[in-house]
Amino acid sequence: MDAQRVIRRPLITEKATRMKESANTVCFEVDRDANKIEVGRAVEKLFGVKVLDVRVANREGKWKRMGRFVGQRKAWKKAWVRLAPDQKIEFFEGV
């Protein structure tokens, strides 16, 4: 699978920011068909860093109601990528 197809977007949340600072772990939304090996290789290729560990979680879409209409958001997959101690990925530093 192509590296740009595997990594959808970085997740910039409070928890992800804390993990980035304390454990050198970066969080991404990834393709639902991607596995841990593909995610690790894609991060190494796109950002030029050394990946130590990858954890993934499938997130089910939330049920939402708008008036009398009920629908469900899309399900997605989240990946936590732990980098080597001397490696770093900068997204929005200095903004």
Protein backbone atom coordinates (compact mmCIF):
# COMPACT_ATOMS: atom_id res chain seq x y z
CA MET A 1 0.00 0.00 0.00
CA ASP A 2 1.24 3.52 -0.82
CA ALA A 3 2.64 5.48 2.15
CA GLN A 4 0.48 8.54 1.46
CA ARG A 5 -2.62 6.37 1.38
CA VAL A 6 -1.78 4.69 4.71
CA ILE A 7 -1.35 7.91 6.74
CA ARG A 8 -4.51 10.01 6.52
CA ARG A 9 -3.76 12.86 8.95
CA PRO A 10 -2.06 13.57 12.25
CA LEU A 11 -4.29 13.76 15.31
CA ILE A 12 -3.54 16.90 17.31
CA THR A 13 -5.42 16.55 20.60
CA GLU A 14 -4.52 17.29 24.21
CA LYS A 15 -3.76 13.65 24.94
CA ALA A 16 -1.71 13.24 21.74
CA THR A 17 0.29 16.37 22.60
CA ARG A 18 1.04 15.06 26.10
CA MET A 19 2.13 11.69 24.69
CA LYS A 20 4.33 13.43 22.14
CA GLU A 21 6.12 15.37 24.88
CA SER A 22 6.40 12.61 27.49
CA ALA A 23 6.73 9.34 25.57
CA ASN A 24 7.87 10.57 22.09
CA THR A 25 4.71 9.04 20.61
CA VAL A 26 2.82 10.55 17.66
CA CYS A 27 -0.83 9.83 16.86
CA PHE A 28 -2.25 9.44 13.31
CA GLU A 29 -5.51 8.57 11.63
CA VAL A 30 -4.66 5.73 9.25
CA ASP A 31 -6.36 3.70 6.53
CA ARG A 32 -8.71 1.05 7.92
CA ASP A 33 -7.04 -1.69 5.85
CA ALA A 34 -3.49 -0.85 7.01
CA ASN A 35 -1.72 -3.03 9.57
CA LYS A 36 1.02 -2.15 12.08
CA ILE A 37 3.88 -3.01 9.73
CA GLU A 38 2.51 -0.85 6.91
CA VAL A 39 1.91 2.07 9.29
CA GLY A 40 5.47 1.89 10.65
CA ARG A 41 7.00 1.74 7.18
CA ALA A 42 4.84 4.64 5.96
CA VAL A 43 5.89 6.88 8.87
CA GLU A 44 9.56 6.02 8.33
CA LYS A 45 9.26 6.77 4.60
CA LEU A 46 7.23 9.99 4.84
CA PHE A 47 8.98 11.63 7.81
CA GLY A 48 12.44 10.03 7.71
CA VAL A 49 12.40 8.86 11.34
CA LYS A 50 13.11 5.57 13.15
CA VAL A 51 9.96 3.84 14.49
CA LEU A 52 10.24 1.64 17.58
CA ASP A 53 6.62 0.60 18.19
CA VAL A 54 3.18 0.91 16.59
CA ARG A 55 -0.17 0.43 18.33
CA VAL A 56 -3.51 0.61 16.48
CA ALA A 57 -7.14 0.88 17.54
CA ASN A 58 -10.33 0.63 15.51
CA ARG A 59 -12.78 3.41 16.34
CA GLU A 60 -16.45 2.82 15.61
CA GLY A 61 -18.45 5.66 14.11
CA LYS A 62 -20.73 7.55 16.50
CA TRP A 63 -24.48 7.37 16.15
CA LYS A 64 -25.89 10.85 15.59
CA ARG A 65 -29.43 12.15 15.50
CA MET A 66 -30.57 15.30 13.70
CA GLY A 67 -34.25 15.78 14.47
CA ARG A 68 -36.03 12.64 13.37
CA PHE A 69 -33.16 11.42 11.21
CA VAL A 70 -30.61 8.99 12.63
CA GLY A 71 -27.27 8.19 11.04
CA GLN A 72 -23.81 6.93 11.81
CA ARG A 73 -20.42 8.54 11.20
CA LYS A 74 -17.71 6.56 9.43
CA ALA A 75 -15.58 4.13 11.43
CA TRP A 76 -11.84 4.88 11.42
CA LYS A 77 -8.50 3.58 12.68
CA LYS A 78 -6.07 5.35 15.01
CA ALA A 79 -2.36 4.57 15.30
CA TRP A 80 0.11 5.55 18.03
CA VAL A 81 3.67 5.50 16.70
CA ARG A 82 6.55 5.54 19.22
CA LEU A 83 9.73 7.05 17.80
CA ALA A 84 13.35 6.46 18.76
CA PRO A 85 14.57 8.76 21.58
CA ASP A 86 16.59 11.02 19.26
CA GLN A 87 13.87 11.29 16.57
CA LYS A 88 11.18 13.98 16.31
CA ILE A 89 8.27 14.95 14.04
CA GLU A 90 7.22 18.61 14.09
CA PHE A 91 3.70 19.48 12.91
CA PHE A 92 2.70 22.93 14.16
CA GLU A 93 5.64 24.11 16.26
CA GLY A 94 6.08 27.87 16.33
CA VAL A 95 2.58 28.70 15.05
